[in-house]
Protein backbone atom coordinates (compact mmCIF):
# COMPACT_ATOMS: atom_id res chain seq x y z
CA MET A 1 0.00 0.00 0.00
CA ARG A 2 3.01 2.25 0.34
CA ASN A 3 4.53 1.57 -3.10
CA GLY A 4 4.33 3.82 -6.11
CA ALA A 5 5.08 7.08 -4.30
CA LYS A 6 5.22 10.48 -6.03
CA ALA A 7 6.80 13.49 -4.36
CA ALA A 8 5.04 16.82 -4.01
CA LEU A 9 4.73 19.89 -1.78
CA VAL A 10 1.48 20.03 0.18
CA GLY A 11 0.30 22.90 2.32
CA GLY A 12 3.62 24.15 3.48
CA VAL A 13 4.74 20.57 3.86
CA PHE A 14 6.52 18.10 1.61
CA ALA A 15 4.05 15.57 0.23
CA VAL A 16 4.36 12.06 -1.10
CA MET A 17 1.59 10.81 -3.34
CA VAL A 18 0.88 7.26 -2.25
CA GLY A 19 -0.87 4.73 -4.43
CA GLY A 20 -1.38 1.00 -4.55
CA ALA A 21 -3.70 -1.58 -3.00
CA GLY A 22 -6.73 0.51 -3.78
CA TYR A 23 -5.66 3.62 -1.91
CA GLY A 24 -5.57 7.24 -3.00
CA ALA A 25 -3.47 9.43 -0.75
CA TYR A 26 -1.24 12.38 -0.25
CA HIS A 27 1.43 12.43 2.43
CA LEU A 28 2.35 15.51 4.45
CA VAL A 29 5.98 15.53 5.51
CA ASP A 30 8.08 18.65 5.98
CA GLY A 31 7.24 22.34 6.16
CA VAL A 32 8.44 25.22 4.05
CA THR A 33 7.38 28.85 4.05
CA GLY A 34 7.02 31.36 1.27
CA GLY A 35 4.45 32.97 -0.95
CA THR A 36 3.41 33.48 -4.49
CA SER A 37 5.60 35.85 -6.37
CA ALA A 38 3.98 38.01 -9.00
CA SER A 39 4.86 41.24 -10.68
CA ASP A 40 2.60 43.95 -9.27
CA PRO A 41 3.10 47.56 -10.22
CA ALA A 42 1.00 48.79 -7.30
CA PRO A 43 2.84 49.77 -4.10
CA LYS A 44 3.35 46.85 -1.77
CA ARG A 45 0.86 47.03 1.06
CA THR A 46 1.89 46.51 4.68
CA GLY A 47 0.18 45.86 7.98
CA PRO A 48 -2.55 43.36 8.84
CA PRO A 49 -5.02 42.47 6.06
CA THR A 50 -8.15 44.61 6.06
CA ALA A 51 -11.63 43.15 6.42
CA ASP A 52 -12.24 43.70 2.70
CA GLU A 53 -9.02 41.91 1.82
CA VAL A 54 -9.89 38.98 4.10
CA GLY A 55 -13.31 38.67 2.51
CA SER A 56 -11.99 38.96 -1.03
CA VAL A 57 -9.17 36.44 -0.81
CA THR A 58 -11.21 33.82 1.08
CA LYS A 59 -14.04 34.13 -1.43
CA ALA A 60 -11.62 33.59 -4.29
CA PHE A 61 -10.01 30.64 -2.51
CA PHE A 62 -13.27 28.94 -1.56
CA THR A 63 -14.79 29.43 -5.03
CA ALA A 64 -11.80 27.88 -6.77
CA TRP A 65 -11.68 25.03 -4.23
CA GLU A 66 -15.37 24.27 -4.87
CA LYS A 67 -14.75 24.22 -8.64
CA GLY A 68 -11.83 21.85 -8.22
CA ASP A 69 -9.48 24.43 -9.73
CA ALA A 70 -6.36 23.70 -7.72
CA VAL A 71 -4.20 26.21 -9.62
CA ILE A 72 -6.47 29.21 -8.99
CA ALA A 73 -7.15 28.25 -5.37
CA ALA A 74 -3.45 27.73 -4.68
CA GLY A 75 -2.68 31.14 -6.16
CA ALA A 76 -4.66 32.69 -3.30
CA THR A 77 -2.30 31.16 -0.69
CA ASN A 78 1.18 31.99 0.56
CA ASN A 79 2.53 28.62 -0.61
CA SER A 80 1.07 28.07 -4.05
CA ASP A 81 3.15 25.02 -5.05
CA ALA A 82 2.31 23.11 -1.89
CA ALA A 83 -1.33 24.18 -1.92
CA GLU A 84 -1.84 23.18 -5.56
CA LEU A 85 -0.59 19.66 -4.97
CA ALA A 86 -2.57 19.32 -1.76
CA LEU A 87 -5.79 20.44 -3.41
CA THR A 88 -5.16 18.17 -6.37
CA GLY A 89 -4.58 15.26 -4.02
CA TYR A 90 -7.70 16.12 -2.05
CA ARG A 91 -9.73 15.75 -5.24
CA ASP A 92 -7.95 13.05 -7.19
CA ASP A 93 -6.19 10.89 -4.61
CA ALA A 94 -8.41 11.19 -1.54
CA HIS A 95 -11.46 11.04 -3.86
CA ILE A 96 -13.23 14.03 -2.30
CA THR A 97 -15.41 15.93 -4.79
CA ALA A 98 -18.59 18.08 -5.00
CA VAL A 99 -17.12 20.42 -2.40
CA HIS A 100 -19.32 23.17 -0.95
CA VAL A 101 -17.73 25.62 1.48
CA THR A 102 -19.80 27.87 3.75
CA PRO A 103 -17.81 30.63 5.43
CA GLY A 104 -18.71 31.86 8.89
CA THR A 105 -18.20 35.25 10.46
CA ALA A 106 -14.58 36.35 10.34
CA ARG A 107 -12.75 37.07 13.58
CA GLY A 108 -10.22 39.57 12.35
CA ALA A 109 -8.00 37.64 9.92
CA THR A 110 -9.34 34.23 11.01
CA VAL A 111 -12.22 32.80 8.99
CA PRO A 112 -14.19 29.74 10.17
CA TYR A 113 -16.01 27.64 7.61
CA THR A 114 -17.83 24.38 7.09
CA VAL A 115 -17.24 21.94 4.26
CA LYS A 116 -19.73 19.53 2.77
CA ALA A 117 -18.45 17.18 0.10
CA THR A 118 -18.80 13.72 -1.39
CA VAL A 119 -16.30 10.88 -0.99
CA ALA A 120 -16.70 8.21 -3.69
CA TYR A 121 -14.60 5.10 -4.23
CA LYS A 122 -15.39 2.10 -6.46
CA GLY A 123 -19.16 2.42 -6.19
CA ALA A 124 -19.19 3.37 -2.52
CA LYS A 125 -20.25 6.94 -1.78
CA LYS A 126 -20.81 9.01 1.36
CA THR A 127 -21.31 12.64 2.33
CA LEU A 128 -18.44 14.22 4.26
CA SER A 129 -19.04 17.22 6.54
CA TYR A 130 -16.62 19.04 8.82
CA ALA A 131 -15.65 22.46 10.13
CA SER A 132 -12.27 24.18 10.06
CA GLU A 133 -10.77 27.64 9.87
CA LEU A 134 -8.01 29.47 8.06
CA ARG A 135 -6.01 32.61 8.62
CA VAL A 136 -5.28 35.38 6.14
CA VAL A 137 -1.83 36.95 6.22
CA ARG A 138 0.04 39.48 4.13
CA GLY A 139 2.54 37.97 1.71
CA LEU A 140 6.11 38.76 2.70
CA THR A 141 7.25 39.52 -0.84
CA SER A 142 4.06 40.56 -2.64
CA GLY A 143 2.28 42.45 0.12
CA LYS A 144 -0.95 40.78 -0.99
CA ALA A 145 -3.51 39.29 1.37
CA LEU A 146 -3.11 35.50 1.12
CA VAL A 147 -4.50 32.40 2.77
CA ASP A 148 -1.90 31.15 5.25
CA TRP A 149 -1.48 27.61 3.97
CA ALA A 150 -1.51 24.69 6.42
CA PRO A 151 -2.71 21.06 6.24
CA THR A 152 -5.68 21.96 8.48
CA VAL A 153 -7.06 24.19 5.71
CA LEU A 154 -8.09 20.98 3.95
CA HIS A 155 -9.16 19.07 7.06
CA PRO A 156 -8.80 19.90 10.77
CA ASP A 157 -7.46 16.44 11.62
CA LEU A 158 -4.49 16.69 9.27
CA LYS A 159 -1.15 17.29 10.95
CA LYS A 160 2.41 17.30 9.77
CA GLY A 161 3.30 13.91 8.33
CA ASP A 162 -0.31 12.69 8.00
CA THR A 163 -1.89 11.16 4.93
CA LEU A 164 -5.51 11.16 3.80
CA VAL A 165 -6.40 7.77 2.32
CA THR A 166 -9.61 6.51 0.78
CA GLY A 167 -9.98 2.84 0.00
CA THR A 168 -10.20 -0.59 1.53
CA SER A 169 -9.35 -0.20 5.21
CA ALA A 170 -5.90 -1.25 6.34
CA ALA A 171 -7.36 -3.56 8.99
CA PRO A 172 -10.81 -5.07 9.54
CA ASP A 173 -12.98 -3.25 12.04
CA ILE A 174 -13.43 -4.64 15.53
CA GLN A 175 -16.25 -4.73 18.02
CA ALA A 176 -14.35 -4.27 21.25
CA VAL A 177 -16.11 -5.50 24.37
CA ASP A 178 -15.26 -5.19 28.03
CA ARG A 179 -14.59 -8.04 30.47
CA ASP A 180 -18.36 -8.66 30.83
CA GLY A 181 -19.25 -8.35 27.16
CA ALA A 182 -20.39 -4.71 27.11
CA VAL A 183 -19.59 -3.04 23.78
CA LEU A 184 -16.93 -0.31 23.92
CA THR A 185 -17.25 2.42 21.29
CA LYS A 186 -15.50 5.73 20.62
CA GLU A 187 -18.85 7.46 20.83
CA LYS A 188 -19.54 6.21 24.36
CA PHE A 189 -15.92 6.36 25.54
CA PRO A 190 -14.21 9.11 23.51
CA SER A 191 -10.77 8.86 25.09
CA LEU A 192 -10.63 5.17 24.14
CA GLY A 193 -10.45 6.23 20.48
CA PRO A 194 -6.66 5.90 20.05
CA VAL A 195 -6.66 2.67 22.07
CA LEU A 196 -9.39 1.11 19.94
CA ASP A 197 -7.57 2.24 16.79
CA GLN A 198 -4.41 0.46 17.95
CA LEU A 199 -6.34 -2.68 18.89
CA ARG A 200 -7.98 -2.69 15.47
CA GLN A 201 -4.67 -2.26 13.69
CA LYS A 202 -3.01 -5.05 15.64
CA TYR A 203 -5.82 -7.55 16.18
CA GLY A 204 -8.39 -6.82 13.46
CA GLU A 205 -7.48 -9.92 11.49
CA GLN A 206 -7.24 -12.19 14.54
CA ALA A 207 -10.69 -11.03 15.60
CA GLY A 208 -12.10 -12.44 12.36
CA GLY A 209 -13.53 -9.32 10.74
CA THR A 210 -13.52 -8.24 7.10
CA PRO A 211 -12.36 -4.77 5.95
CA GLY A 212 -14.67 -2.04 4.70
CA VAL A 213 -14.09 1.11 2.61
CA GLU A 214 -13.04 4.21 4.55
CA LEU A 215 -11.63 7.69 4.38
CA SER A 216 -8.88 7.72 7.01
CA VAL A 217 -5.95 9.70 8.28
CA ARG A 218 -2.81 7.63 8.07
CA HIS A 219 -0.21 8.97 10.47
CA GLU A 220 3.47 9.34 9.71
CA SER A 221 4.56 6.85 12.38
CA GLU A 222 3.62 3.28 11.53
CA GLU A 223 3.21 2.65 15.27
CA VAL A 224 0.22 5.04 15.34
CA ALA A 225 -2.94 3.43 14.01
CA ASP A 226 -5.00 4.97 11.21
CA THR A 227 -7.75 7.34 12.30
CA SER A 228 -10.99 6.60 10.49
CA LEU A 229 -12.87 9.73 9.38
CA LEU A 230 -15.72 8.28 7.35
CA THR A 231 -16.98 4.77 6.54
CA LEU A 232 -18.20 4.48 2.96
CA ALA A 233 -19.00 0.78 3.11
CA LYS A 234 -19.03 -1.25 6.29
CA GLY A 235 -17.01 -4.39 6.64
CA LYS A 236 -17.77 -7.10 9.15
CA PRO A 237 -16.29 -6.25 12.56
CA GLY A 238 -14.64 -9.00 14.53
CA LYS A 239 -15.36 -9.33 18.24
CA LEU A 240 -12.39 -8.52 20.46
CA ARG A 241 -12.64 -9.07 24.20
CA THR A 242 -10.59 -6.71 26.35
CA THR A 243 -9.82 -6.63 30.07
CA LEU A 244 -11.51 -3.24 30.51
CA SER A 245 -14.44 -2.61 32.83
CA ALA A 246 -17.12 -0.41 31.30
CA SER A 247 -18.05 1.03 34.72
CA ALA A 248 -14.45 1.85 35.64
CA GLN A 249 -13.85 3.26 32.17
CA ALA A 250 -16.90 5.51 32.41
CA ALA A 251 -15.72 6.82 35.78
CA ALA A 252 -12.22 7.40 34.39
CA GLU A 253 -13.56 9.33 31.41
CA ARG A 254 -15.70 11.55 33.59
CA ALA A 255 -12.85 12.17 36.05
CA VAL A 256 -10.18 13.23 33.55
CA LYS A 257 -12.58 15.67 31.89
CA GLN A 258 -12.41 17.78 35.04
CA TYR A 259 -8.70 18.55 34.53
CA GLY A 260 -6.83 19.44 31.35
CA GLU A 261 -3.89 17.32 30.20
CA SER A 262 -4.82 14.47 32.53
CA SER A 263 -4.42 10.70 32.26
CA VAL A 264 -5.41 7.75 34.45
CA VAL A 265 -5.01 3.97 34.45
CA ALA A 266 -6.60 1.35 36.70
CA VAL A 267 -5.43 -2.26 36.96
CA LYS A 268 -6.57 -5.39 38.77
CA PRO A 269 -3.64 -6.27 41.11
CA SER A 270 -4.56 -9.95 41.39
CA THR A 271 -4.23 -10.48 37.62
CA GLY A 272 -2.58 -7.45 35.97
CA GLU A 273 -5.65 -6.80 33.82
CA VAL A 274 -6.14 -3.16 32.81
CA LEU A 275 -9.58 -2.03 33.96
CA ALA A 276 -9.57 1.55 32.66
CA VAL A 277 -7.42 3.89 30.58
CA ALA A 278 -8.43 7.48 29.92
CA ASN A 279 -6.83 10.70 28.70
CA HIS A 280 -8.02 14.29 28.46
CA ARG A 281 -5.62 15.97 26.06
CA GLU A 282 -5.57 18.30 23.07
CA ASP A 283 -3.83 15.62 21.02
CA ALA A 284 -4.54 11.91 20.56
CA PHE A 285 -1.45 10.76 22.48
CA ASN A 286 -2.12 7.92 24.92
CA ALA A 287 -0.15 9.49 27.77
CA ALA A 288 -1.74 7.05 30.22
CA PHE A 289 0.27 4.22 28.63
CA GLU A 290 3.07 6.01 26.79
CA GLY A 291 3.78 9.13 28.85
CA GLN A 292 7.32 9.63 30.10
CA LEU A 293 7.44 12.12 32.95
CA ALA A 294 9.01 12.40 36.39
CA PRO A 295 6.51 10.86 38.86
CA GLY A 296 7.41 13.00 41.87
CA SER A 297 6.91 11.53 45.33
CA THR A 298 4.86 8.55 44.11
CA MET A 299 8.36 7.18 43.42
CA LYS A 300 8.86 6.95 47.20
CA ILE A 301 6.95 3.65 47.12
CA ILE A 302 9.90 2.09 45.28
CA THR A 303 12.47 4.03 47.30
CA ALA A 304 10.87 2.93 50.58
CA ALA A 305 10.92 -0.67 49.38
CA MET A 306 14.62 -0.29 48.53
CA LEU A 307 15.39 1.06 52.01
CA ILE A 308 13.50 -1.80 53.70
CA ASP A 309 14.87 -4.56 51.43
CA ASN A 310 18.45 -3.37 51.99
CA GLY A 311 18.08 -3.13 55.76
CA VAL A 312 18.63 0.65 55.87
CA THR A 313 15.49 1.25 57.93
CA SER A 314 11.93 0.02 58.37
CA ALA A 315 8.47 1.53 58.58
CA ALA A 316 8.94 1.92 62.32
CA GLY A 317 12.63 2.78 61.98
CA PRO A 318 14.28 6.19 61.89
CA ALA A 319 13.90 8.55 58.93
CA PRO A 320 14.53 12.09 60.29
CA CYS A 321 12.91 14.92 58.36
CA PRO A 322 15.06 18.09 58.50
CA ASP A 323 14.17 21.32 56.70
CA THR A 324 16.87 20.76 54.07
CA ALA A 325 19.23 18.00 52.96
CA VAL A 326 22.40 18.38 50.88
CA TRP A 327 23.62 15.69 48.50
CA GLU A 328 26.61 16.20 46.19
CA SER A 329 26.43 20.01 46.72
CA GLN A 330 22.72 20.17 45.79
CA THR A 331 20.24 21.28 48.44
CA PHE A 332 16.85 19.59 48.61
CA HIS A 333 13.78 21.08 50.29
CA ASN A 334 10.38 19.94 51.48
CA LEU A 335 7.04 21.44 50.52
CA THR A 336 6.48 24.88 51.97
CA GLY A 337 5.07 24.70 55.49
CA MET A 338 6.24 21.19 56.34
CA ALA A 339 7.61 21.14 59.89
CA ALA A 340 10.94 19.45 60.53
CA ASN A 341 10.89 16.28 62.65
CA ASP A 342 14.23 14.88 63.80
CA ASN A 343 12.48 11.89 65.41
CA ALA A 344 10.39 10.89 62.41
CA THR A 345 10.02 7.25 61.40
CA LEU A 346 9.99 6.10 57.78
CA ALA A 347 6.21 5.68 58.03
CA ASN A 348 5.81 9.26 59.24
CA SER A 349 8.11 10.71 56.56
CA PHE A 350 6.32 8.64 53.90
CA GLN A 351 2.91 9.72 55.14
CA ARG A 352 3.89 13.41 55.07
CA SER A 353 5.99 12.96 51.89
CA CYS A 354 9.17 14.39 53.39
CA ASN A 355 11.79 14.74 50.64
CA THR A 356 14.74 15.35 52.92
CA ALA A 357 14.24 12.11 54.86
CA PHE A 358 14.61 10.04 51.69
CA VAL A 359 17.55 12.11 50.41
CA LYS A 360 19.48 11.65 53.67
CA LEU A 361 18.90 7.87 53.73
CA ILE A 362 20.23 7.11 50.24
CA ASP A 363 23.78 7.64 51.54
CA GLU A 364 23.46 4.70 53.94
CA LYS A 365 25.33 1.45 53.40
CA PRO A 366 24.96 -0.86 51.56
CA LEU A 367 23.20 1.41 49.02
CA THR A 368 24.97 2.30 45.75
CA ASP A 369 24.16 4.22 42.60
CA GLU A 370 22.62 0.98 41.28
CA SER A 371 20.34 0.16 44.21
CA LEU A 372 17.22 2.03 43.13
CA THR A 373 17.54 0.69 39.59
CA ARG A 374 17.83 -2.87 40.86
CA GLU A 375 14.76 -2.45 43.08
CA ALA A 376 12.71 -1.00 40.23
CA GLU A 377 13.71 -3.61 37.67
CA ASP A 378 14.11 -6.79 39.71
CA ARG A 379 11.17 -6.37 42.09
CA PHE A 380 8.72 -4.04 40.31
CA GLY A 381 9.35 -5.17 36.71
CA LEU A 382 10.14 -1.69 35.41
CA GLY A 383 12.60 -0.27 32.90
CA GLN A 384 13.48 -3.31 30.79
CA ASP A 385 11.50 -2.49 27.63
CA ASN A 386 9.69 -5.82 27.70
CA TRP A 387 6.08 -5.13 28.66
CA ALA A 388 3.62 -6.65 26.19
CA THR A 389 0.34 -4.96 27.08
CA GLY A 390 -1.33 -5.46 23.70
CA ILE A 391 -0.78 -1.87 22.53
CA ALA A 392 2.12 0.58 22.61
CA SER A 393 3.26 1.29 26.17
CA PHE A 394 6.23 2.63 28.14
CA ASP A 395 7.85 0.40 30.77
CA GLY A 396 9.26 3.13 32.99
CA LYS A 397 12.85 4.32 33.35
CA VAL A 398 14.94 4.29 36.55
CA PRO A 399 18.56 4.63 35.43
CA ALA A 400 21.50 4.19 37.75
CA SER A 401 22.64 7.74 38.51
CA ALA A 402 25.56 9.33 40.32
CA GLY A 403 25.87 12.83 41.73
CA PRO A 404 22.78 14.91 42.58
CA ASP A 405 20.54 12.76 40.37
CA ARG A 406 20.98 9.80 42.71
CA ALA A 407 19.12 11.79 45.37
CA ALA A 408 16.70 13.36 42.90
CA ASN A 409 15.76 9.93 41.52
CA ALA A 410 14.82 8.76 45.01
CA ILE A 411 12.09 11.40 45.24
CA GLY A 412 10.83 10.96 41.68
CA GLN A 413 12.76 13.74 39.98
CA GLY A 414 16.17 13.56 38.26
CA GLN A 415 16.25 11.00 35.46
CA VAL A 416 13.30 8.85 36.56
CA GLN A 417 10.39 8.69 34.12
CA MET A 418 7.04 6.97 34.49
CA SER A 419 3.55 6.78 33.02
CA PRO A 420 0.30 6.40 34.96
CA LEU A 421 0.30 2.76 33.78
CA ASN A 422 3.70 2.24 35.41
CA MET A 423 2.65 3.77 38.70
CA ALA A 424 -0.61 1.81 38.82
CA SER A 425 1.50 -1.32 38.37
CA VAL A 426 3.91 -0.19 41.12
CA THR A 427 0.99 0.18 43.52
CA ALA A 428 -0.40 -3.22 42.50
CA THR A 429 2.99 -4.82 43.19
CA ALA A 430 3.33 -3.02 46.52
CA MET A 431 -0.05 -4.25 47.74
CA THR A 432 0.26 -7.87 46.55
CA GLY A 433 4.02 -8.46 46.56
CA THR A 434 3.79 -9.96 43.06
CA PHE A 435 4.58 -8.14 39.81
CA ARG A 436 1.92 -9.00 37.28
CA GLN A 437 2.57 -7.21 34.00
CA PRO A 438 -0.46 -5.10 33.01
CA TYR A 439 -2.28 -6.16 29.85
CA LEU A 440 -5.28 -5.06 27.82
CA VAL A 441 -5.99 -8.19 25.74
CA ALA A 442 -5.22 -11.83 26.41
CA LYS A 443 -1.73 -12.94 25.43
CA SER A 444 -3.23 -16.01 23.72
CA LEU A 445 -4.31 -13.74 20.85
CA ASP A 446 -0.74 -13.43 19.59
CA ASP A 447 1.29 -15.69 21.91
CA ARG A 448 3.26 -12.78 23.31
CA THR A 449 5.43 -13.23 26.38
CA PHE A 450 4.69 -11.20 29.50
CA ALA A 451 7.44 -9.50 31.48
CA SER A 452 8.32 -10.95 34.87
CA ALA A 453 10.08 -9.84 38.06
CA ASP A 454 10.99 -11.27 41.46
CA GLY A 455 8.42 -9.28 43.40
CA LEU A 456 8.63 -8.23 47.04
CA ARG A 457 9.16 -10.04 50.33
CA ALA A 458 6.10 -10.46 52.53
CA GLY A 459 7.61 -8.26 55.25
CA THR A 460 8.23 -5.44 52.79
CA VAL A 461 4.68 -5.69 51.45
CA ALA A 462 3.21 -5.47 54.95
CA GLN A 463 5.20 -2.31 55.69
CA LEU A 464 4.38 -0.65 52.36
CA ARG A 465 0.67 -1.33 52.85
CA GLN A 466 0.87 0.08 56.38
CA MET A 467 2.50 3.29 55.13
CA MET A 468 0.16 3.68 52.15
CA ARG A 469 -2.87 3.08 54.37
CA ALA A 470 -1.69 5.80 56.76
CA THR A 471 -1.15 8.16 53.83
CA ALA A 472 -4.69 7.52 52.56
CA THR A 473 -6.37 7.91 55.95
CA ALA A 474 -4.29 10.51 57.80
CA GLY A 475 -1.58 11.77 55.45
CA THR A 476 -1.25 13.77 52.25
CA GLY A 477 -3.66 11.46 50.42
CA ALA A 478 -6.47 11.70 52.98
CA PRO A 479 -8.44 14.60 51.44
CA ALA A 480 -8.72 12.88 48.07
CA MET A 481 -9.45 9.43 49.54
CA SER A 482 -12.02 10.71 52.01
CA GLY A 483 -15.22 8.68 51.97
CA LEU A 484 -13.65 5.56 50.45
CA GLY A 485 -14.19 2.55 52.65
CA GLY A 486 -12.53 -0.84 52.76
CA ASP A 487 -8.85 -1.63 52.41
CA ILE A 488 -7.30 1.53 50.94
CA GLY A 489 -3.86 3.03 50.43
CA ALA A 490 -2.34 5.97 48.56
CA LYS A 491 0.73 8.03 47.75
CA THR A 492 0.81 11.61 46.51
CA GLY A 493 3.38 13.24 44.25
CA SER A 494 4.20 16.55 42.65
CA ALA A 495 6.95 16.81 40.06
CA GLU A 496 8.65 20.06 39.15
CA VAL A 497 9.33 20.57 35.44
CA ASP A 498 11.58 23.23 33.93
CA GLY A 499 9.56 25.92 32.19
CA GLN A 500 6.32 25.19 34.04
CA THR A 501 4.84 27.57 36.58
CA LYS A 502 3.10 24.71 38.42
CA SER A 503 4.28 21.20 39.17
CA ASN A 504 2.74 18.09 37.62
CA SER A 505 0.20 16.44 39.91
CA TRP A 506 0.61 12.68 40.54
CA PHE A 507 -1.43 10.32 42.70
CA THR A 508 -1.65 6.56 43.06
CA GLY A 509 -3.84 4.47 45.30
CA TYR A 510 -5.65 1.19 45.80
CA ARG A 511 -8.98 -0.06 47.08
CA GLY A 512 -9.94 -3.69 47.19
CA ASP A 513 -8.69 -5.41 44.03
CA MET A 514 -8.07 -2.20 42.09
CA ALA A 515 -4.98 0.00 41.86
CA ALA A 516 -5.03 3.29 39.95
CA ALA A 517 -2.65 6.12 39.11
CA ALA A 518 -3.21 9.50 37.52
CA MET A 519 -1.16 12.44 36.31
CA THR A 520 -2.26 16.00 35.52
CA GLN A 521 0.29 18.25 33.84
CA GLU A 522 0.63 21.52 35.76
CA GLY A 523 -2.02 20.26 38.17
CA GLY A 524 -0.12 21.29 41.31
CA HIS A 525 0.11 19.07 44.38
CA GLY A 526 -0.77 15.41 44.07
CA GLY A 527 -4.04 15.73 45.93
CA ASP A 528 -5.17 18.78 43.96
CA ALA A 529 -5.97 17.18 40.60
CA ALA A 530 -4.63 13.63 40.19
CA GLY A 531 -5.99 12.62 43.61
CA PRO A 532 -9.66 13.27 42.83
CA ILE A 533 -9.26 11.45 39.50
CA VAL A 534 -7.88 8.32 41.17
CA ALA A 535 -10.49 8.42 43.93
CA ALA A 536 -13.31 8.65 41.38
CA VAL A 537 -12.09 5.51 39.63
CA LEU A 538 -11.49 3.61 42.88
CA ARG A 539 -15.11 4.24 43.88
CA THR A 540 -16.12 1.71 41.20
CA SER A 541 -14.13 -1.02 42.95
CA GLY A 542 -16.45 -3.47 44.68
């Protein structure tokens, strides 16, 4: 399907015409800037385009686009070569014709509009409708008012490197169902869209479906599944059972909508099954599974396990909490307002999330630069690039670090990176003692091998549960976990990121046979944003 390529410039981006296997496409690759050059005896105008100019150039552009005259339409843009090829591809390769554009009310130089067109391919035909907007700018060389060309002028879902394809779908459709047989759709669970696309791409054939005819966005990375825009002729979807819980998923979707740039994952600790995965983001990135960010103080679960397993201290043992701690010439602080406690135990410092207590303890024998890495990999199953969840996922990263990063890693900063999936798994391991690699579909579908790890000693598990329970009932996690009954535990985290005015909010917790973790970028303290998300999902645990 990717043979027979022709090169072209499309919308300020390099394009590759793709043909073969029944597809018509144009491929958006790299950007260039410029404008049409024409000899104009009139003085070159300057300043923002006037309302009359905006109206005139958009009318000319829309009229030519509707007529299928790519040359005239492209001449009204600031990148005529790229625009001409894009518009030609839109008509001839993506098989979109009978275009009717209805402009809305301009907002200065920005003009919204709706498009209604027909997509036809080998006897299959469907109406396509969508809304987008364009911006009018003044040409740098000509001084003329011109449409500022971008892939989104043609369709709002087109981004750099994307391809519009119309033809037989790359993979048969699936009917994804949850663990109890409830049907999971993008319409009912919008943030599952990218997950369902990946499952379709990977397991469509195994599920036994037959492909249909679709208009889709094919993304530049082959690891990102096609995004279907319009089904011209339905195929036969194959039934694919997932580990998800429709009730947990619904709660997760509602919870992340309350906070921008948020992600959450819930797993079943006794099996490793993923019960919910939800994202609230401007893009389609599955940050819940693939995010790579410092997890803040949620990392102290692993660090506490390392301290206990290496005999440095215990839950009831000493872990003094001074105002500051210095490691390799770097000074570490606690959250503003935290009182020092020279007589604190590890449980108390964990419950209050005292950074300095953990920084001071990493210098104790027999700990080395490798100790935290060994704990994360050997006992929690992290950082070995071998998780086989069923879709793309990140396995966590806890590199051996010297200097200040050794201390920073211990409190979830430095070079440590995690996703909500990773931290949900960490909590599941902490509460059961056994690492069970999270998964979304049964491994029997493709005979993949699950990752394994040694897990934790019973004594370590008992102490971690004790500390997490205290955090959930009387520590930093108590406000978010308030009202949750049964066997509960939690750990808060906030991770500072260069260039951000607020820290990222992290929270992980468990209730019954469910562990969940959430992250909200620039959400502040762990209990401020991520905490309520996790608590909302845990409420669905029986």
